[in-house]
Protein backbone atom coordinates (compact mmCIF):
# COMPACT_ATOMS: atom_id res chain seq x y z
CA MET A 1 0.06 -0.12 0.08
CA ARG A 2 1.59 3.29 -1.00
CA ILE A 3 0.01 6.19 1.04
CA GLU A 4 0.86 10.03 0.32
CA ILE A 5 0.11 13.09 2.61
CA PHE A 6 0.02 16.55 1.48
CA THR A 7 1.09 18.77 4.83
CA GLY A 8 2.08 22.01 5.74
CA PRO A 9 4.43 23.44 8.07
CA GLY A 10 2.20 24.14 11.52
CA CYS A 11 -0.73 22.09 10.38
CA ALA A 12 -2.58 20.84 13.61
CA HIS A 13 -4.57 18.76 11.69
CA CYS A 14 -1.54 17.17 9.38
CA GLU A 15 0.25 16.50 12.82
CA VAL A 16 -2.96 14.41 13.77
CA ALA A 17 -3.13 12.54 10.17
CA LYS A 18 0.76 11.25 10.78
CA ALA A 19 0.23 10.51 14.20
CA LEU A 20 -2.65 8.24 13.32
CA LEU A 21 -0.63 6.12 10.38
CA ASN A 22 2.61 6.25 12.64
CA ARG A 23 0.41 4.89 15.19
CA ARG A 24 -1.15 2.15 13.18
CA GLY A 25 2.29 1.32 11.96
CA LEU A 26 1.84 2.58 7.93
CA THR A 27 4.34 4.10 6.18
CA PHE A 28 3.45 7.38 3.88
CA GLU A 29 5.61 9.83 1.83
CA GLU A 30 5.10 13.29 3.72
CA ARG A 31 4.43 16.12 0.88
CA ASP A 32 5.01 19.73 2.16
CA VAL A 33 3.02 22.59 0.13
CA SER A 34 4.77 24.87 0.87
CA GLU A 35 7.71 23.35 -1.45
CA GLU A 36 6.69 25.41 -4.49
CA ALA A 37 7.22 22.34 -6.75
CA VAL A 38 4.88 20.03 -4.30
CA ARG A 39 2.25 22.89 -4.18
CA GLU A 40 1.93 22.92 -8.02
CA GLU A 41 1.04 19.31 -7.99
CA PHE A 42 -1.10 19.79 -5.49
CA ALA A 43 -3.19 22.02 -7.66
CA GLN A 44 -2.90 20.01 -10.46
CA ARG A 45 -4.00 16.67 -8.69
CA LEU A 46 -6.66 18.33 -6.24
CA PRO A 47 -7.84 21.50 -8.19
CA ARG A 48 -11.00 22.13 -6.03
CA VAL A 49 -9.35 21.30 -2.63
CA ARG A 50 -7.93 24.38 -0.54
CA SER A 51 -7.30 22.38 2.53
CA ILE A 52 -4.30 20.13 4.00
CA PRO A 53 -3.59 17.39 5.04
CA GLN A 54 -4.96 15.40 1.66
CA VAL A 55 -4.38 11.96 1.61
CA PHE A 56 -4.00 9.53 -1.01
CA ILE A 57 -3.91 5.58 -0.89
CA ASP A 58 -2.59 3.61 -3.97
CA ASP A 59 -3.07 7.09 -6.43
CA GLU A 60 -6.90 7.22 -5.34
CA HIS A 61 -7.74 10.41 -3.12
CA ILE A 62 -9.09 9.64 -0.03
CA GLY A 63 -9.74 12.95 1.59
CA GLY A 64 -8.69 14.85 4.73
CA LEU A 65 -7.93 13.85 8.25
CA GLU A 66 -11.69 13.09 8.89
CA ASP A 67 -11.91 10.86 5.85
CA LEU A 68 -8.84 9.01 6.91
CA LYS A 69 -10.59 8.70 9.97
CA LEU A 70 -12.81 6.65 8.57
CA ARG A 71 -10.49 4.75 6.31
CA LEU A 72 -9.13 3.57 9.39
CA ALA A 73 -11.53 2.88 11.67
């Protein structure tokens, strides 16, 4: 399973999402939207989304923190 999480500095919800993944022993790739190239990719992949975190599992967008909680429940 490949997990990507788009995050940003100082984002409390991002920290909660990463902690949840870590508690489950799941490895993930963190993508920091404060980096210009990552921000551009984020905008291309999710043109209507403005909030972080945003999580992809096996290239499928599952949503933000609440969606991740539901998926892992």
